[in-house]
Amino acid sequence: MSKITLLIEHLKNAHNLIIGEKSAER
């Protein structure tokens, strides 16, 4: 699993926050 995907999934599961791939890259 890529680091971007790990970040997106963590934020979704732990904080109920949806971010896009560009935000995860930044």
PDB file of all heavy atoms in Angstrom:
ATOM      1  N   MET A   1       0.849  -1.172   0.000  1.00  0.00           N
ATOM      2  CA  MET A   1       0.000   0.000   0.000  1.00  0.00           C
ATOM      3  C   MET A   1       0.904   1.248   0.000  1.00  0.00           C
ATOM      4  O   MET A   1       1.865   1.314   0.742  1.00  0.00           O
ATOM      5  CB  MET A   1      -0.885  -0.033   1.251  1.00  0.00           C
ATOM      6  CG  MET A   1      -2.078   0.882   1.163  1.00  0.00           C
ATOM      7  SD  MET A   1      -3.148   0.821   2.618  1.00  0.00           S
ATOM      8  CE  MET A   1      -4.076  -0.661   2.341  1.00  0.00           C
ATOM      9  N   SER A   2       0.582   2.217  -0.820  1.00  0.00           N
ATOM     10  CA  SER A   2       1.415   3.414  -0.923  1.00  0.00           C
ATOM     11  C   SER A   2       1.237   4.304   0.306  1.00  0.00           C
ATOM     12  O   SER A   2       0.247   4.202   1.036  1.00  0.00           O
ATOM     13  CB  SER A   2       1.062   4.202  -2.177  1.00  0.00           C
ATOM     14  OG  SER A   2      -0.162   4.872  -2.009  1.00  0.00           O
ATOM     15  N   LYS A   3       2.204   5.191   0.525  1.00  0.00           N
ATOM     16  CA  LYS A   3       2.133   6.104   1.665  1.00  0.00           C
ATOM     17  C   LYS A   3       0.932   7.037   1.547  1.00  0.00           C
ATOM     18  O   LYS A   3       0.296   7.365   2.543  1.00  0.00           O
ATOM     19  CB  LYS A   3       3.416   6.922   1.768  1.00  0.00           C
ATOM     20  CG  LYS A   3       4.593   6.119   2.251  1.00  0.00           C
ATOM     21  CD  LYS A   3       5.806   6.996   2.422  1.00  0.00           C
ATOM     22  CE  LYS A   3       6.941   6.193   3.002  1.00  0.00           C
ATOM     23  NZ  LYS A   3       8.089   7.037   3.340  1.00  0.00           N
ATOM     24  N   ILE A   4       0.610   7.436   0.334  1.00  0.00           N
ATOM     25  CA  ILE A   4      -0.538   8.317   0.120  1.00  0.00           C
ATOM     26  C   ILE A   4      -1.822   7.611   0.542  1.00  0.00           C
ATOM     27  O   ILE A   4      -2.660   8.175   1.247  1.00  0.00           O
ATOM     28  CB  ILE A   4      -0.600   8.780  -1.347  1.00  0.00           C
ATOM     29  CG1 ILE A   4       0.575   9.713  -1.630  1.00  0.00           C
ATOM     30  CG2 ILE A   4      -1.922   9.453  -1.657  1.00  0.00           C
ATOM     31  CD1 ILE A   4       0.727  10.105  -3.069  1.00  0.00           C
ATOM     32  N   THR A   5      -1.961   6.364   0.140  1.00  0.00           N
ATOM     33  CA  THR A   5      -3.143   5.579   0.507  1.00  0.00           C
ATOM     34  C   THR A   5      -3.208   5.377   2.018  1.00  0.00           C
ATOM     35  O   THR A   5      -4.287   5.474   2.616  1.00  0.00           O
ATOM     36  CB  THR A   5      -3.132   4.215  -0.210  1.00  0.00           C
ATOM     37  OG1 THR A   5      -3.007   4.434  -1.608  1.00  0.00           O
ATOM     38  CG2 THR A   5      -4.390   3.427   0.071  1.00  0.00           C
ATOM     39  N   LEU A   6      -2.049   5.105   2.648  1.00  0.00           N
ATOM     40  CA  LEU A   6      -2.024   4.938   4.099  1.00  0.00           C
ATOM     41  C   LEU A   6      -2.499   6.201   4.813  1.00  0.00           C
ATOM     42  O   LEU A   6      -3.271   6.136   5.768  1.00  0.00           O
ATOM     43  CB  LEU A   6      -0.608   4.589   4.576  1.00  0.00           C
ATOM     44  CG  LEU A   6      -0.124   3.170   4.318  1.00  0.00           C
ATOM     45  CD1 LEU A   6       1.350   3.045   4.663  1.00  0.00           C
ATOM     46  CD2 LEU A   6      -0.944   2.176   5.108  1.00  0.00           C
ATOM     47  N   LEU A   7      -2.039   7.363   4.340  1.00  0.00           N
ATOM     48  CA  LEU A   7      -2.466   8.630   4.939  1.00  0.00           C
ATOM     49  C   LEU A   7      -3.963   8.849   4.780  1.00  0.00           C
ATOM     50  O   LEU A   7      -4.658   9.201   5.740  1.00  0.00           O
ATOM     51  CB  LEU A   7      -1.727   9.803   4.285  1.00  0.00           C
ATOM     52  CG  LEU A   7      -0.369  10.157   4.827  1.00  0.00           C
ATOM     53  CD1 LEU A   7       0.249  11.274   3.996  1.00  0.00           C
ATOM     54  CD2 LEU A   7      -0.451  10.568   6.272  1.00  0.00           C
ATOM     55  N   ILE A   8      -4.458   8.655   3.569  1.00  0.00           N
ATOM     56  CA  ILE A   8      -5.882   8.862   3.297  1.00  0.00           C
ATOM     57  C   ILE A   8      -6.730   7.934   4.170  1.00  0.00           C
ATOM     58  O   ILE A   8      -7.712   8.366   4.772  1.00  0.00           O
ATOM     59  CB  ILE A   8      -6.189   8.668   1.793  1.00  0.00           C
ATOM     60  CG1 ILE A   8      -5.559   9.806   0.989  1.00  0.00           C
ATOM     61  CG2 ILE A   8      -7.682   8.587   1.544  1.00  0.00           C
ATOM     62  CD1 ILE A   8      -5.607   9.628  -0.516  1.00  0.00           C
ATOM     63  N   GLU A   9      -6.352   6.671   4.264  1.00  0.00           N
ATOM     64  CA  GLU A   9      -7.109   5.701   5.068  1.00  0.00           C
ATOM     65  C   GLU A   9      -7.038   6.033   6.555  1.00  0.00           C
ATOM     66  O   GLU A   9      -8.040   5.935   7.260  1.00  0.00           O
ATOM     67  CB  GLU A   9      -6.606   4.275   4.818  1.00  0.00           C
ATOM     68  CG  GLU A   9      -6.978   3.737   3.459  1.00  0.00           C
ATOM     69  CD  GLU A   9      -8.479   3.697   3.232  1.00  0.00           C
ATOM     70  OE1 GLU A   9      -9.220   3.218   4.113  1.00  0.00           O
ATOM     71  OE2 GLU A   9      -8.921   4.184   2.172  1.00  0.00           O
ATOM     72  N   HIS A  10      -5.864   6.440   7.045  1.00  0.00           N
ATOM     73  CA  HIS A  10      -5.732   6.795   8.463  1.00  0.00           C
ATOM     74  C   HIS A  10      -6.639   7.978   8.802  1.00  0.00           C
ATOM     75  O   HIS A  10      -7.347   7.951   9.810  1.00  0.00           O
ATOM     76  CB  HIS A  10      -4.284   7.137   8.815  1.00  0.00           C
ATOM     77  CG  HIS A  10      -4.137   7.684  10.193  1.00  0.00           C
ATOM     78  ND1 HIS A  10      -4.210   6.890  11.320  1.00  0.00           N
ATOM     79  CD2 HIS A  10      -3.961   8.956  10.633  1.00  0.00           C
ATOM     80  CE1 HIS A  10      -4.083   7.656  12.390  1.00  0.00           C
ATOM     81  NE2 HIS A  10      -3.922   8.915  12.000  1.00  0.00           N
ATOM     82  N   LEU A  11      -6.620   9.004   7.975  1.00  0.00           N
ATOM     83  CA  LEU A  11      -7.436  10.186   8.243  1.00  0.00           C
ATOM     84  C   LEU A  11      -8.925   9.859   8.186  1.00  0.00           C
ATOM     85  O   LEU A  11      -9.719  10.376   8.970  1.00  0.00           O
ATOM     86  CB  LEU A  11      -7.089  11.302   7.262  1.00  0.00           C
ATOM     87  CG  LEU A  11      -5.691  11.883   7.459  1.00  0.00           C
ATOM     88  CD1 LEU A  11      -5.316  12.769   6.292  1.00  0.00           C
ATOM     89  CD2 LEU A  11      -5.613  12.645   8.758  1.00  0.00           C
ATOM     90  N   LYS A  12      -9.287   8.974   7.262  1.00  0.00           N
ATOM     91  CA  LYS A  12     -10.690   8.579   7.143  1.00  0.00           C
ATOM     92  C   LYS A  12     -11.131   7.770   8.368  1.00  0.00           C
ATOM     93  O   LYS A  12     -12.197   8.016   8.928  1.00  0.00           O
ATOM     94  CB  LYS A  12     -10.878   7.753   5.871  1.00  0.00           C
ATOM     95  CG  LYS A  12     -12.318   7.570   5.470  1.00  0.00           C
ATOM     96  CD  LYS A  12     -12.465   6.686   4.249  1.00  0.00           C
ATOM     97  CE  LYS A  12     -11.831   7.292   3.026  1.00  0.00           C
ATOM     98  NZ  LYS A  12     -12.048   6.473   1.822  1.00  0.00           N
ATOM     99  N   ASN A  13     -10.299   6.831   8.801  1.00  0.00           N
ATOM    100  CA  ASN A  13     -10.679   5.945   9.906  1.00  0.00           C
ATOM    101  C   ASN A  13     -10.539   6.600  11.280  1.00  0.00           C
ATOM    102  O   ASN A  13     -11.393   6.414  12.135  1.00  0.00           O
ATOM    103  CB  ASN A  13      -9.841   4.666   9.866  1.00  0.00           C
ATOM    104  CG  ASN A  13     -10.126   3.834   8.635  1.00  0.00           C
ATOM    105  OD1 ASN A  13     -11.217   3.888   8.084  1.00  0.00           O
ATOM    106  ND2 ASN A  13      -9.140   3.094   8.174  1.00  0.00           N
ATOM    107  N   ALA A  14      -9.483   7.354  11.492  1.00  0.00           N
ATOM    108  CA  ALA A  14      -9.217   7.904  12.820  1.00  0.00           C
ATOM    109  C   ALA A  14      -9.891   9.253  13.064  1.00  0.00           C
ATOM    110  O   ALA A  14     -10.224   9.584  14.193  1.00  0.00           O
ATOM    111  CB  ALA A  14      -7.711   8.035  13.038  1.00  0.00           C
ATOM    112  N   HIS A  15     -10.084  10.036  12.003  1.00  0.00           N
ATOM    113  CA  HIS A  15     -10.585  11.397  12.185  1.00  0.00           C
ATOM    114  C   HIS A  15     -11.844  11.714  11.371  1.00  0.00           C
ATOM    115  O   HIS A  15     -12.299  12.851  11.372  1.00  0.00           O
ATOM    116  CB  HIS A  15      -9.492  12.414  11.807  1.00  0.00           C
ATOM    117  CG  HIS A  15      -8.266  12.282  12.644  1.00  0.00           C
ATOM    118  ND1 HIS A  15      -8.180  12.796  13.910  1.00  0.00           N
ATOM    119  CD2 HIS A  15      -7.073  11.677  12.403  1.00  0.00           C
ATOM    120  CE1 HIS A  15      -6.988  12.535  14.406  1.00  0.00           C
ATOM    121  NE2 HIS A  15      -6.301  11.840  13.515  1.00  0.00           N
ATOM    122  N   ASN A  16     -12.380  10.732  10.644  1.00  0.00           N
ATOM    123  CA  ASN A  16     -13.548  10.953   9.777  1.00  0.00           C
ATOM    124  C   ASN A  16     -13.304  12.102   8.802  1.00  0.00           C
ATOM    125  O   ASN A  16     -14.196  12.900   8.529  1.00  0.00           O
ATOM    126  CB  ASN A  16     -14.817  11.233  10.585  1.00  0.00           C
ATOM    127  CG  ASN A  16     -15.353   9.994  11.243  1.00  0.00           C
ATOM    128  OD1 ASN A  16     -15.190   8.897  10.734  1.00  0.00           O
ATOM    129  ND2 ASN A  16     -15.984  10.156  12.383  1.00  0.00           N
ATOM    130  N   LEU A  17     -12.077  12.208   8.302  1.00  0.00           N
ATOM    131  CA  LEU A  17     -11.711  13.299   7.411  1.00  0.00           C
ATOM    132  C   LEU A  17     -11.401  12.745   6.024  1.00  0.00           C
ATOM    133  O   LEU A  17     -10.618  11.809   5.874  1.00  0.00           O
ATOM    134  CB  LEU A  17     -10.486  14.039   7.957  1.00  0.00           C
ATOM    135  CG  LEU A  17     -10.147  15.334   7.243  1.00  0.00           C
ATOM    136  CD1 LEU A  17     -11.162  16.422   7.613  1.00  0.00           C
ATOM    137  CD2 LEU A  17      -8.749  15.795   7.595  1.00  0.00           C
ATOM    138  N   ILE A  18     -12.029  13.326   5.024  1.00  0.00           N
ATOM    139  CA  ILE A  18     -11.794  12.934   3.639  1.00  0.00           C
ATOM    140  C   ILE A  18     -10.882  13.971   3.007  1.00  0.00           C
ATOM    141  O   ILE A  18     -11.174  15.171   3.027  1.00  0.00           O
ATOM    142  CB  ILE A  18     -13.115  12.868   2.849  1.00  0.00           C
ATOM    143  CG1 ILE A  18     -14.059  11.834   3.458  1.00  0.00           C
ATOM    144  CG2 ILE A  18     -12.845  12.556   1.382  1.00  0.00           C
ATOM    145  CD1 ILE A  18     -15.464  11.872   2.876  1.00  0.00           C
ATOM    146  N   ILE A  19      -9.744  13.498   2.470  1.00  0.00           N
ATOM    147  CA  ILE A  19      -8.856  14.383   1.718  1.00  0.00           C
ATOM    148  C   ILE A  19      -8.552  13.721   0.376  1.00  0.00           C
ATOM    149  O   ILE A  19      -8.706  12.514   0.217  1.00  0.00           O
ATOM    150  CB  ILE A  19      -7.535  14.694   2.458  1.00  0.00           C
ATOM    151  CG1 ILE A  19      -6.690  13.433   2.641  1.00  0.00           C
ATOM    152  CG2 ILE A  19      -7.803  15.382   3.781  1.00  0.00           C
ATOM    153  CD1 ILE A  19      -5.273  13.713   3.070  1.00  0.00           C
ATOM    154  N   GLY A  20      -8.119  14.513  -0.574  1.00  0.00           N
ATOM    155  CA  GLY A  20      -7.776  13.995  -1.885  1.00  0.00           C
ATOM    156  C   GLY A  20      -6.307  13.595  -1.975  1.00  0.00           C
ATOM    157  O   GLY A  20      -5.530  13.809  -1.049  1.00  0.00           O
ATOM    158  N   GLU A  21      -5.945  13.029  -3.111  1.00  0.00           N
ATOM    159  CA  GLU A  21      -4.572  12.582  -3.318  1.00  0.00           C
ATOM    160  C   GLU A  21      -3.586  13.738  -3.318  1.00  0.00           C
ATOM    161  O   GLU A  21      -2.482  13.607  -2.789  1.00  0.00           O
ATOM    162  CB  GLU A  21      -4.465  11.799  -4.626  1.00  0.00           C
ATOM    163  CG  GLU A  21      -5.056  10.411  -4.530  1.00  0.00           C
ATOM    164  CD  GLU A  21      -4.762   9.575  -5.764  1.00  0.00           C
ATOM    165  OE1 GLU A  21      -3.726   9.815  -6.427  1.00  0.00           O
ATOM    166  OE2 GLU A  21      -5.576   8.688  -6.054  1.00  0.00           O
ATOM    167  N   LYS A  22      -3.957  14.874  -3.892  1.00  0.00           N
ATOM    168  CA  LYS A  22      -3.060  16.038  -3.923  1.00  0.00           C
ATOM    169  C   LYS A  22      -2.783  16.542  -2.510  1.00  0.00           C
ATOM    170  O   LYS A  22      -1.653  16.888  -2.182  1.00  0.00           O
ATOM    171  CB  LYS A  22      -3.635  17.170  -4.779  1.00  0.00           C
ATOM    172  CG  LYS A  22      -3.639  16.882  -6.240  1.00  0.00           C
ATOM    173  CD  LYS A  22      -2.220  16.970  -6.777  1.00  0.00           C
ATOM    174  CE  LYS A  22      -2.260  16.810  -8.279  1.00  0.00           C
ATOM    175  NZ  LYS A  22      -0.946  16.714  -8.856  1.00  0.00           N
ATOM    176  N   SER A  23      -3.816  16.584  -1.681  1.00  0.00           N
ATOM    177  CA  SER A  23      -3.628  17.004  -0.289  1.00  0.00           C
ATOM    178  C   SER A  23      -2.721  16.030   0.450  1.00  0.00           C
ATOM    179  O   SER A  23      -1.868  16.434   1.241  1.00  0.00           O
ATOM    180  CB  SER A  23      -4.967  17.100   0.437  1.00  0.00           C
ATOM    181  OG  SER A  23      -5.752  18.118  -0.111  1.00  0.00           O
ATOM    182  N   ALA A  24      -2.891  14.745   0.195  1.00  0.00           N
ATOM    183  CA  ALA A  24      -2.047  13.726   0.828  1.00  0.00           C
ATOM    184  C   ALA A  24      -0.595  13.865   0.358  1.00  0.00           C
ATOM    185  O   ALA A  24       0.328  13.721   1.156  1.00  0.00           O
ATOM    186  CB  ALA A  24      -2.581  12.330   0.524  1.00  0.00           C
ATOM    187  N   GLU A  25      -0.397  14.179  -0.919  1.00  0.00           N
ATOM    188  CA  GLU A  25       0.962  14.389  -1.433  1.00  0.00           C
ATOM    189  C   GLU A  25       1.622  15.589  -0.751  1.00  0.00           C
ATOM    190  O   GLU A  25       2.790  15.530  -0.364  1.00  0.00           O
ATOM    191  CB  GLU A  25       0.937  14.616  -2.944  1.00  0.00           C
ATOM    192  CG  GLU A  25       0.666  13.367  -3.743  1.00  0.00           C
ATOM    193  CD  GLU A  25       0.530  13.650  -5.241  1.00  0.00           C
ATOM    194  OE1 GLU A  25       0.892  14.759  -5.682  1.00  0.00           O
ATOM    195  OE2 GLU A  25       0.075  12.746  -5.951  1.00  0.00           O
ATOM    196  N   ARG A  26       0.869  16.689  -0.600  1.00  0.00           N
ATOM    197  CA  ARG A  26       1.412  17.868   0.086  1.00  0.00           C
ATOM    198  C   ARG A  26       1.719  17.554   1.547  1.00  0.00           C
ATOM    199  O   ARG A  26       2.730  18.004   2.092  1.00  0.00           O
ATOM    200  CB  ARG A  26       0.443  19.039  -0.019  1.00  0.00           C
ATOM    201  CG  ARG A  26       0.450  19.700  -1.380  1.00  0.00           C
ATOM    202  CD  ARG A  26      -0.271  21.035  -1.381  1.00  0.00           C
ATOM    203  NE  ARG A  26      -1.666  20.935  -0.952  1.00  0.00           N
ATOM    204  CZ  ARG A  26      -2.684  20.698  -1.764  1.00  0.00           C
ATOM    205  NH1 ARG A  26      -2.486  20.549  -3.054  1.00  0.00           N
ATOM    206  NH2 ARG A  26      -3.909  20.627  -1.299  1.00  0.00           N
TER     207      ARG A  26
END
